[in-house]
């Protein structure tokens, strides 16, 4: 189900690239859309662009961090 506060748009992606996104998503128990968003956030972060954390469910990384504290 789409989140009302998120922007929806069509995206043209090479089928082999999307297959890898889907494979990673399945391994990490995410939807392909959530995986694509995660990969985009990681890429922006590596370029020094800071974004606020996504709204909604806690990510696995945040859950692991909270468990360590």
PDB file of N, CA and C in Angstrom:
ATOM      1  N   UNK A   1       0.834  -1.167   0.000  1.00  0.00           N
ATOM      2  CA  UNK A   1       0.000   0.000   0.000  1.00  0.00           C
ATOM      3  C   UNK A   1       0.889   1.243   0.000  1.00  0.00           C
ATOM      4  N   UNK A   2       0.592   2.173  -0.882  1.00  0.00           N
ATOM      5  CA  UNK A   2       1.392   3.381  -1.015  1.00  0.00           C
ATOM      6  C   UNK A   2       1.145   4.324   0.155  1.00  0.00           C
ATOM      7  N   UNK A   3       2.202   4.985   0.581  1.00  0.00           N
ATOM      8  CA  UNK A   3       2.089   5.966   1.649  1.00  0.00           C
ATOM      9  C   UNK A   3       1.607   7.282   1.056  1.00  0.00           C
ATOM     10  N   UNK A   4       0.623   7.924   1.665  1.00  0.00           N
ATOM     11  CA  UNK A   4       0.100   9.168   1.107  1.00  0.00           C
ATOM     12  C   UNK A   4       1.102  10.318   1.140  1.00  0.00           C
ATOM     13  N   UNK A   5       2.114  10.250   2.003  1.00  0.00           N
ATOM     14  CA  UNK A   5       3.075  11.343   2.113  1.00  0.00           C
ATOM     15  C   UNK A   5       4.309  11.134   1.236  1.00  0.00           C
ATOM     16  N   UNK A   6       4.284  10.136   0.353  1.00  0.00           N
ATOM     17  CA  UNK A   6       5.421   9.878  -0.522  1.00  0.00           C
ATOM     18  C   UNK A   6       5.070  10.210  -1.955  1.00  0.00           C
ATOM     19  N   UNK A   7       6.072  10.650  -2.681  1.00  0.00           N
ATOM     20  CA  UNK A   7       5.920  10.993  -4.092  1.00  0.00           C
ATOM     21  C   UNK A   7       5.944   9.720  -4.929  1.00  0.00           C
ATOM     22  N   UNK A   8       4.943   9.525  -5.758  1.00  0.00           N
ATOM     23  CA  UNK A   8       4.898   8.388  -6.677  1.00  0.00           C
ATOM     24  C   UNK A   8       5.269   8.877  -8.075  1.00  0.00           C
ATOM     25  N   UNK A   9       6.090   8.087  -8.765  1.00  0.00           N
ATOM     26  CA  UNK A   9       6.448   8.439 -10.135  1.00  0.00           C
ATOM     27  C   UNK A   9       6.943   7.192 -10.861  1.00  0.00           C
ATOM     28  N   UNK A  10       6.784   7.169 -12.183  1.00  0.00           N
ATOM     29  CA  UNK A  10       7.294   6.029 -12.949  1.00  0.00           C
ATOM     30  C   UNK A  10       8.818   6.129 -13.062  1.00  0.00           C
ATOM     31  N   UNK A  11       9.462   5.000 -13.057  1.00  0.00           N
ATOM     32  CA  UNK A  11      10.924   4.968 -13.128  1.00  0.00           C
ATOM     33  C   UNK A  11      11.333   3.924 -14.161  1.00  0.00           C
ATOM     34  N   UNK A  12      12.134   4.327 -15.107  1.00  0.00           N
ATOM     35  CA  UNK A  12      12.643   3.383 -16.100  1.00  0.00           C
ATOM     36  C   UNK A  12      13.997   2.875 -15.620  1.00  0.00           C
ATOM     37  N   UNK A  13      14.090   1.569 -15.424  1.00  0.00           N
ATOM     38  CA  UNK A  13      15.312   0.956 -14.909  1.00  0.00           C
ATOM     39  C   UNK A  13      15.648  -0.257 -15.752  1.00  0.00           C
ATOM     40  N   UNK A  14      16.922  -0.446 -15.990  1.00  0.00           N
ATOM     41  CA  UNK A  14      17.388  -1.629 -16.699  1.00  0.00           C
ATOM     42  C   UNK A  14      16.870  -2.880 -15.972  1.00  0.00           C
ATOM     43  N   UNK A  15      16.312  -3.841 -16.689  1.00  0.00           N
ATOM     44  CA  UNK A  15      15.751  -5.034 -16.041  1.00  0.00           C
ATOM     45  C   UNK A  15      16.761  -5.793 -15.168  1.00  0.00           C
ATOM     46  N   UNK A  16      18.010  -5.855 -15.584  1.00  0.00           N
ATOM     47  CA  UNK A  16      19.026  -6.555 -14.788  1.00  0.00           C
ATOM     48  C   UNK A  16      19.288  -5.811 -13.478  1.00  0.00           C
ATOM     49  N   UNK A  17      19.301  -4.479 -13.537  1.00  0.00           N
ATOM     50  CA  UNK A  17      19.503  -3.681 -12.328  1.00  0.00           C
ATOM     51  C   UNK A  17      18.333  -3.874 -11.369  1.00  0.00           C
ATOM     52  N   UNK A  18      17.105  -3.829 -11.893  1.00  0.00           N
ATOM     53  CA  UNK A  18      15.929  -3.988 -11.036  1.00  0.00           C
ATOM     54  C   UNK A  18      15.880  -5.389 -10.429  1.00  0.00           C
ATOM     55  N   UNK A  19      16.330  -6.380 -11.192  1.00  0.00           N
ATOM     56  CA  UNK A  19      16.364  -7.753 -10.669  1.00  0.00           C
ATOM     57  C   UNK A  19      17.282  -7.833  -9.454  1.00  0.00           C
ATOM     58  N   UNK A  20      18.409  -7.110  -9.485  1.00  0.00           N
ATOM     59  CA  UNK A  20      19.324  -7.098  -8.338  1.00  0.00           C
ATOM     60  C   UNK A  20      18.709  -6.369  -7.151  1.00  0.00           C
ATOM     61  N   UNK A  21      17.984  -5.281  -7.417  1.00  0.00           N
ATOM     62  CA  UNK A  21      17.293  -4.566  -6.338  1.00  0.00           C
ATOM     63  C   UNK A  21      16.271  -5.504  -5.692  1.00  0.00           C
ATOM     64  N   UNK A  22      15.530  -6.231  -6.514  1.00  0.00           N
ATOM     65  CA  UNK A  22      14.544  -7.175  -5.981  1.00  0.00           C
ATOM     66  C   UNK A  22      15.215  -8.298  -5.195  1.00  0.00           C
ATOM     67  N   UNK A  23      16.352  -8.777  -5.675  1.00  0.00           N
ATOM     68  CA  UNK A  23      17.075  -9.842  -4.976  1.00  0.00           C
ATOM     69  C   UNK A  23      17.547  -9.361  -3.608  1.00  0.00           C
ATOM     70  N   UNK A  24      18.137  -8.170  -3.564  1.00  0.00           N
ATOM     71  CA  UNK A  24      18.576  -7.601  -2.282  1.00  0.00           C
ATOM     72  C   UNK A  24      17.389  -7.379  -1.350  1.00  0.00           C
ATOM     73  N   UNK A  25      16.308  -6.886  -1.907  1.00  0.00           N
ATOM     74  CA  UNK A  25      15.105  -6.634  -1.102  1.00  0.00           C
ATOM     75  C   UNK A  25      14.616  -7.927  -0.458  1.00  0.00           C
ATOM     76  N   UNK A  26      14.588  -8.993  -1.217  1.00  0.00           N
ATOM     77  CA  UNK A  26      14.130 -10.277  -0.682  1.00  0.00           C
ATOM     78  C   UNK A  26      15.070 -10.764   0.423  1.00  0.00           C
ATOM     79  N   UNK A  27      16.364 -10.579   0.231  1.00  0.00           N
ATOM     80  CA  UNK A  27      17.335 -10.998   1.244  1.00  0.00           C
ATOM     81  C   UNK A  27      17.176 -10.215   2.542  1.00  0.00           C
ATOM     82  N   UNK A  28      16.792  -8.943   2.426  1.00  0.00           N
ATOM     83  CA  UNK A  28      16.684  -8.071   3.594  1.00  0.00           C
ATOM     84  C   UNK A  28      15.235  -7.874   4.046  1.00  0.00           C
ATOM     85  N   UNK A  29      14.339  -8.693   3.505  1.00  0.00           N
ATOM     86  CA  UNK A  29      12.922  -8.678   3.876  1.00  0.00           C
ATOM     87  C   UNK A  29      12.292  -7.291   3.716  1.00  0.00           C
ATOM     88  N   UNK A  30      12.556  -6.672   2.571  1.00  0.00           N
ATOM     89  CA  UNK A  30      11.972  -5.377   2.226  1.00  0.00           C
ATOM     90  C   UNK A  30      11.248  -5.510   0.898  1.00  0.00           C
ATOM     91  N   UNK A  31      10.407  -4.542   0.600  1.00  0.00           N
ATOM     92  CA  UNK A  31       9.838  -4.462  -0.744  1.00  0.00           C
ATOM     93  C   UNK A  31      10.917  -3.896  -1.671  1.00  0.00           C
ATOM     94  N   UNK A  32      10.753  -4.126  -2.952  1.00  0.00           N
ATOM     95  CA  UNK A  32      11.710  -3.577  -3.916  1.00  0.00           C
ATOM     96  C   UNK A  32      11.707  -2.050  -3.843  1.00  0.00           C
ATOM     97  N   UNK A  33      10.538  -1.454  -3.633  1.00  0.00           N
ATOM     98  CA  UNK A  33      10.449  -0.007  -3.529  1.00  0.00           C
ATOM     99  C   UNK A  33      11.228   0.508  -2.311  1.00  0.00           C
ATOM    100  N   UNK A  34      11.054  -0.153  -1.168  1.00  0.00           N
ATOM    101  CA  UNK A  34      11.779   0.251   0.041  1.00  0.00           C
ATOM    102  C   UNK A  34      13.282   0.074  -0.152  1.00  0.00           C
ATOM    103  N   UNK A  35      13.674  -0.988  -0.853  1.00  0.00           N
ATOM    104  CA  UNK A  35      15.093  -1.227  -1.106  1.00  0.00           C
ATOM    105  C   UNK A  35      15.662  -0.133  -1.991  1.00  0.00           C
ATOM    106  N   UNK A  36      14.928   0.250  -3.035  1.00  0.00           N
ATOM    107  CA  UNK A  36      15.388   1.317  -3.927  1.00  0.00           C
ATOM    108  C   UNK A  36      15.545   2.626  -3.146  1.00  0.00           C
ATOM    109  N   UNK A  37      14.589   2.917  -2.257  1.00  0.00           N
ATOM    110  CA  UNK A  37      14.681   4.130  -1.447  1.00  0.00           C
ATOM    111  C   UNK A  37      15.902   4.078  -0.524  1.00  0.00           C
ATOM    112  N   UNK A  38      16.143   2.930   0.078  1.00  0.00           N
ATOM    113  CA  UNK A  38      17.310   2.761   0.942  1.00  0.00           C
ATOM    114  C   UNK A  38      18.604   2.991   0.159  1.00  0.00           C
ATOM    115  N   UNK A  39      18.692   2.410  -1.020  1.00  0.00           N
ATOM    116  CA  UNK A  39      19.897   2.572  -1.845  1.00  0.00           C
ATOM    117  C   UNK A  39      20.104   4.025  -2.249  1.00  0.00           C
ATOM    118  N   UNK A  40      19.016   4.725  -2.564  1.00  0.00           N
ATOM    119  CA  UNK A  40      19.127   6.145  -2.902  1.00  0.00           C
ATOM    120  C   UNK A  40      19.607   6.958  -1.692  1.00  0.00           C
ATOM    121  N   UNK A  41      19.056   6.669  -0.521  1.00  0.00           N
ATOM    122  CA  UNK A  41      19.477   7.374   0.695  1.00  0.00           C
ATOM    123  C   UNK A  41      20.960   7.120   0.989  1.00  0.00           C
ATOM    124  N   UNK A  42      21.408   5.864   0.821  1.00  0.00           N
ATOM    125  CA  UNK A  42      22.818   5.535   1.052  1.00  0.00           C
ATOM    126  C   UNK A  42      23.721   6.281   0.071  1.00  0.00           C
ATOM    127  N   UNK A  43      23.312   6.341  -1.193  1.00  0.00           N
ATOM    128  CA  UNK A  43      24.104   7.040  -2.205  1.00  0.00           C
ATOM    129  C   UNK A  43      24.206   8.530  -1.891  1.00  0.00           C
ATOM    130  N   UNK A  44      23.097   9.143  -1.476  1.00  0.00           N
ATOM    131  CA  UNK A  44      23.125  10.561  -1.111  1.00  0.00           C
ATOM    132  C   UNK A  44      23.994  10.791   0.119  1.00  0.00           C
ATOM    133  N   UNK A  45      23.908   9.897   1.080  1.00  0.00           N
ATOM    134  CA  UNK A  45      24.707  10.018   2.293  1.00  0.00           C
ATOM    135  C   UNK A  45      26.205   9.973   1.972  1.00  0.00           C
ATOM    136  N   UNK A  46      26.595   9.078   1.069  1.00  0.00           N
ATOM    137  CA  UNK A  46      28.013   8.989   0.667  1.00  0.00           C
ATOM    138  C   UNK A  46      28.484  10.271  -0.001  1.00  0.00           C
ATOM    139  N   UNK A  47      27.560  11.030  -0.576  1.00  0.00           N
ATOM    140  CA  UNK A  47      27.908  12.301  -1.214  1.00  0.00           C
ATOM    141  C   UNK A  47      27.799  13.476  -0.254  1.00  0.00           C
ATOM    142  N   UNK A  48      27.522  13.179   1.008  1.00  0.00           N
ATOM    143  CA  UNK A  48      27.475  14.224   2.020  1.00  0.00           C
ATOM    144  C   UNK A  48      26.139  14.917   2.174  1.00  0.00           C
ATOM    145  N   UNK A  49      25.103  14.365   1.595  1.00  0.00           N
ATOM    146  CA  UNK A  49      23.771  14.965   1.699  1.00  0.00           C
ATOM    147  C   UNK A  49      23.037  14.305   2.850  1.00  0.00           C
ATOM    148  N   UNK A  50      22.687  15.108   3.832  1.00  0.00           N
ATOM    149  CA  UNK A  50      22.017  14.604   5.031  1.00  0.00           C
ATOM    150  C   UNK A  50      20.503  14.741   4.883  1.00  0.00           C
ATOM    151  N   UNK A  51      19.803  13.660   5.111  1.00  0.00           N
ATOM    152  CA  UNK A  51      18.344  13.659   5.092  1.00  0.00           C
ATOM    153  C   UNK A  51      17.844  13.213   6.452  1.00  0.00           C
ATOM    154  N   UNK A  52      16.656  13.652   6.799  1.00  0.00           N
ATOM    155  CA  UNK A  52      16.077  13.165   8.040  1.00  0.00           C
ATOM    156  C   UNK A  52      15.696  11.700   7.839  1.00  0.00           C
ATOM    157  N   UNK A  53      15.667  10.914   8.919  1.00  0.00           N
ATOM    158  CA  UNK A  53      15.304   9.504   8.790  1.00  0.00           C
ATOM    159  C   UNK A  53      13.897   9.358   8.223  1.00  0.00           C
ATOM    160  N   UNK A  54      13.649   8.265   7.507  1.00  0.00           N
ATOM    161  CA  UNK A  54      12.306   8.078   6.952  1.00  0.00           C
ATOM    162  C   UNK A  54      11.278   7.908   8.053  1.00  0.00           C
ATOM    163  N   UNK A  55      10.080   8.375   7.785  1.00  0.00           N
ATOM    164  CA  UNK A  55       8.983   8.221   8.746  1.00  0.00           C
ATOM    165  C   UNK A  55       8.476   6.790   8.686  1.00  0.00           C
ATOM    166  N   UNK A  56       7.839   6.340   9.744  1.00  0.00           N
ATOM    167  CA  UNK A  56       7.231   5.017   9.723  1.00  0.00           C
ATOM    168  C   UNK A  56       8.030   4.004  10.510  1.00  0.00           C
ATOM    169  N   UNK A  57       8.065   2.810  10.000  1.00  0.00           N
ATOM    170  CA  UNK A  57       8.715   1.699  10.698  1.00  0.00           C
ATOM    171  C   UNK A  57      10.203   1.943  10.889  1.00  0.00           C
ATOM    172  N   UNK A  58      10.732   1.390  11.973  1.00  0.00           N
ATOM    173  CA  UNK A  58      12.166   1.469  12.230  1.00  0.00           C
ATOM    174  C   UNK A  58      12.899   0.572  11.246  1.00  0.00           C
ATOM    175  N   UNK A  59      14.017   1.045  10.766  1.00  0.00           N
ATOM    176  CA  UNK A  59      14.817   0.214   9.873  1.00  0.00           C
ATOM    177  C   UNK A  59      15.617  -0.784  10.697  1.00  0.00           C
ATOM    178  N   UNK A  60      16.117  -1.790  10.045  1.00  0.00           N
ATOM    179  CA  UNK A  60      16.908  -2.813  10.735  1.00  0.00           C
ATOM    180  C   UNK A  60      18.139  -2.184  11.385  1.00  0.00           C
ATOM    181  N   UNK A  61      18.766  -1.229  10.703  1.00  0.00           N
ATOM    182  CA  UNK A  61      19.962  -0.597  11.250  1.00  0.00           C
ATOM    183  C   UNK A  61      19.641   0.166  12.534  1.00  0.00           C
ATOM    184  N   UNK A  62      18.516   0.903  12.528  1.00  0.00           N
ATOM    185  CA  UNK A  62      18.139   1.637  13.733  1.00  0.00           C
ATOM    186  C   UNK A  62      17.771   0.672  14.843  1.00  0.00           C
ATOM    187  N   UNK A  63      17.085  -0.402  14.519  1.00  0.00           N
ATOM    188  CA  UNK A  63      16.699  -1.384  15.531  1.00  0.00           C
ATOM    189  C   UNK A  63      17.922  -2.025  16.163  1.00  0.00           C
ATOM    190  N   UNK A  64      18.930  -2.352  15.338  1.00  0.00           N
ATOM    191  CA  UNK A  64      20.161  -2.942  15.854  1.00  0.00           C
ATOM    192  C   UNK A  64      20.893  -1.949  16.759  1.00  0.00           C
ATOM    193  N   UNK A  65      20.927  -0.676  16.350  1.00  0.00           N
ATOM    194  CA  UNK A  65      21.600   0.361  17.133  1.00  0.00           C
ATOM    195  C   UNK A  65      20.929   0.520  18.501  1.00  0.00           C
ATOM    196  N   UNK A  66      19.596   0.546  18.493  1.00  0.00           N
ATOM    197  CA  UNK A  66      18.865   0.707  19.749  1.00  0.00           C
ATOM    198  C   UNK A  66      19.084  -0.504  20.667  1.00  0.00           C
ATOM    199  N   UNK A  67      19.240  -1.682  20.084  1.00  0.00           N
ATOM    200  CA  UNK A  67      19.461  -2.885  20.878  1.00  0.00           C
ATOM    201  C   UNK A  67      20.816  -2.844  21.578  1.00  0.00           C
ATOM    202  N   UNK A  68      21.794  -2.191  20.961  1.00  0.00           N
ATOM    203  CA  UNK A  68      23.142  -2.090  21.532  1.00  0.00           C
ATOM    204  C   UNK A  68      23.190  -1.124  22.702  1.00  0.00           C
ATOM    205  N   UNK A  69      22.288  -0.154  22.713  1.00  0.00           N
ATOM    206  CA  UNK A  69      22.313   0.893  23.736  1.00  0.00           C
ATOM    207  C   UNK A  69      21.774   0.426  25.064  1.00  0.00           C
TER     208      UNK A  69
END
